[in-house]
Amino acid sequence: MSDSLLLASIMIAVLVILLPILFHLTKYLGTSSDNVRKNEPVEGGIRLTHKDSFDGFNVKFFLVGIIFLIFDVEVLFMFPWALNLGELGLFALLEMFVFMGLLIAGLVYVYKSGILKWT
């Protein structure tokens, strides 16, 4: 058996034995409190009530998440474009302006329709 394989085996064995013991010891060594306020679930700063799980969910969380993903993907497209702009030329510059224009038009539509208002 090679030295590196022996070392890796010992490290794995120590982790398999040591980690459960350490997790079990934190129950006794750490402080704990059974505070009712501490154990309440919080979703996005809004205290959840303990109702039926099939009750309605505010769709604005979903819409803001989708809007964030759209503009996050925009950045993913713009980064490689910016790195290769010198090689791509004027046509790629115009294409990116069209792409950004479409996304800005989408943002204006979202803003005008009131999706981003929380009241």
Protein backbone atom coordinates (compact mmCIF):
# COMPACT_ATOMS: atom_id res chain seq x y z
CA MET A 1 0.00 0.00 0.00
CA SER A 2 1.37 3.40 -0.96
CA ASP A 3 1.98 6.12 1.62
CA SER A 4 -0.61 8.48 0.17
CA LEU A 5 -3.30 5.79 0.15
CA LEU A 6 -2.49 4.93 3.77
CA LEU A 7 -2.64 8.59 4.77
CA ALA A 8 -5.96 9.10 2.97
CA SER A 9 -7.41 6.00 4.65
CA ILE A 10 -6.36 7.19 8.10
CA MET A 11 -7.81 10.66 7.48
CA ILE A 12 -11.14 9.22 6.34
CA ALA A 13 -11.27 6.86 9.33
CA VAL A 14 -10.54 9.70 11.74
CA LEU A 15 -13.25 11.85 10.16
CA VAL A 16 -15.80 9.04 10.22
CA ILE A 17 -15.12 8.44 13.91
CA LEU A 18 -14.47 12.00 15.08
CA LEU A 19 -17.26 13.95 13.38
CA PRO A 20 -20.22 12.07 14.92
CA ILE A 21 -18.59 12.33 18.34
CA LEU A 22 -18.10 16.10 17.93
CA PHE A 23 -21.66 16.62 16.74
CA HIS A 24 -22.94 14.67 19.71
CA LEU A 25 -20.76 16.66 22.15
CA THR A 26 -22.13 20.00 20.92
CA LYS A 27 -25.47 19.02 22.43
CA TYR A 28 -23.87 18.98 25.88
CA LEU A 29 -21.17 21.66 25.54
CA GLY A 30 -23.16 24.41 23.83
CA THR A 31 -25.85 26.58 25.29
CA SER A 32 -29.41 26.03 24.23
CA SER A 33 -32.65 27.86 24.79
CA ASP A 34 -36.17 26.82 24.01
CA ASN A 35 -37.40 30.29 23.22
CA VAL A 36 -40.73 30.31 21.40
CA ARG A 37 -39.77 33.40 19.38
CA LYS A 38 -36.48 31.82 18.32
CA ASN A 39 -38.15 28.67 16.99
CA GLU A 40 -40.65 30.49 14.76
CA PRO A 41 -40.10 30.08 11.02
CA VAL A 42 -39.32 33.29 9.12
CA GLU A 43 -39.61 33.62 5.35
CA GLY A 44 -38.19 36.78 3.83
CA GLY A 45 -38.70 38.83 6.98
CA ILE A 46 -42.35 37.85 7.28
CA ARG A 47 -43.38 35.76 10.25
CA LEU A 48 -45.28 32.74 9.05
CA THR A 49 -48.42 31.65 10.75
CA HIS A 50 -49.06 28.01 11.44
CA LYS A 51 -51.89 27.43 9.00
CA ASP A 52 -52.70 24.78 6.49
CA SER A 53 -49.83 24.10 4.10
CA PHE A 54 -52.16 24.54 1.13
CA ASP A 55 -52.91 28.18 1.92
CA GLY A 56 -52.02 30.84 -0.61
CA PHE A 57 -48.45 32.01 -1.05
CA ASN A 58 -47.57 35.53 -2.07
CA VAL A 59 -46.62 35.30 -5.74
CA LYS A 60 -44.43 38.43 -5.53
CA PHE A 61 -41.58 36.37 -4.06
CA PHE A 62 -41.67 34.19 -7.17
CA LEU A 63 -41.87 37.13 -9.57
CA VAL A 64 -38.95 38.97 -8.00
CA GLY A 65 -36.90 35.78 -8.14
CA ILE A 66 -37.66 35.26 -11.84
CA ILE A 67 -36.86 38.89 -12.63
CA PHE A 68 -33.56 38.55 -10.77
CA LEU A 69 -32.69 35.42 -12.76
CA ILE A 70 -33.44 37.17 -16.05
CA PHE A 71 -31.04 40.00 -15.28
CA ASP A 72 -28.49 37.61 -13.83
CA VAL A 73 -28.44 35.69 -17.11
CA GLU A 74 -27.97 39.03 -18.88
CA VAL A 75 -24.72 39.50 -16.99
CA LEU A 76 -23.63 35.99 -17.94
CA PHE A 77 -24.10 36.86 -21.62
CA MET A 78 -22.41 40.24 -21.33
CA PHE A 79 -19.20 39.08 -19.63
CA PRO A 80 -17.81 36.89 -22.46
CA TRP A 81 -19.03 39.45 -24.98
CA ALA A 82 -17.08 42.20 -23.20
CA LEU A 83 -13.93 40.10 -23.15
CA ASN A 84 -14.08 39.43 -26.91
CA LEU A 85 -15.46 42.76 -28.11
CA GLY A 86 -12.25 43.71 -29.92
CA GLU A 87 -12.35 40.55 -32.03
CA LEU A 88 -16.11 40.57 -32.63
CA GLY A 89 -16.36 44.04 -34.11
CA LEU A 90 -19.17 46.52 -34.71
CA PHE A 91 -21.85 43.92 -35.46
CA ALA A 92 -21.47 42.34 -32.01
CA LEU A 93 -21.69 45.78 -30.41
CA LEU A 94 -24.99 46.46 -32.20
CA GLU A 95 -26.30 43.01 -31.26
CA MET A 96 -25.55 43.64 -27.60
CA PHE A 97 -27.35 46.99 -27.75
CA VAL A 98 -30.40 45.20 -29.19
CA PHE A 99 -30.18 42.54 -26.46
CA MET A 100 -29.87 45.13 -23.69
CA GLY A 101 -32.66 47.18 -25.23
CA LEU A 102 -35.02 44.20 -25.10
CA LEU A 103 -34.16 43.56 -21.47
CA ILE A 104 -34.61 47.22 -20.55
CA ALA A 105 -37.96 47.19 -22.33
CA GLY A 106 -38.91 44.15 -20.22
CA LEU A 107 -37.84 45.96 -17.04
CA VAL A 108 -39.90 49.02 -18.01
CA TYR A 109 -42.91 46.75 -18.63
CA VAL A 110 -42.47 45.08 -15.24
CA TYR A 111 -42.16 48.45 -13.52
CA LYS A 112 -45.17 49.96 -15.31
CA SER A 113 -47.37 46.94 -14.56
CA GLY A 114 -46.66 47.32 -10.83
CA ILE A 115 -45.12 43.92 -10.20
CA LEU A 116 -42.31 45.41 -8.13
CA LYS A 117 -44.66 47.29 -5.77
CA TRP A 118 -45.15 45.53 -2.43
CA THR A 119 -48.20 47.45 -1.25
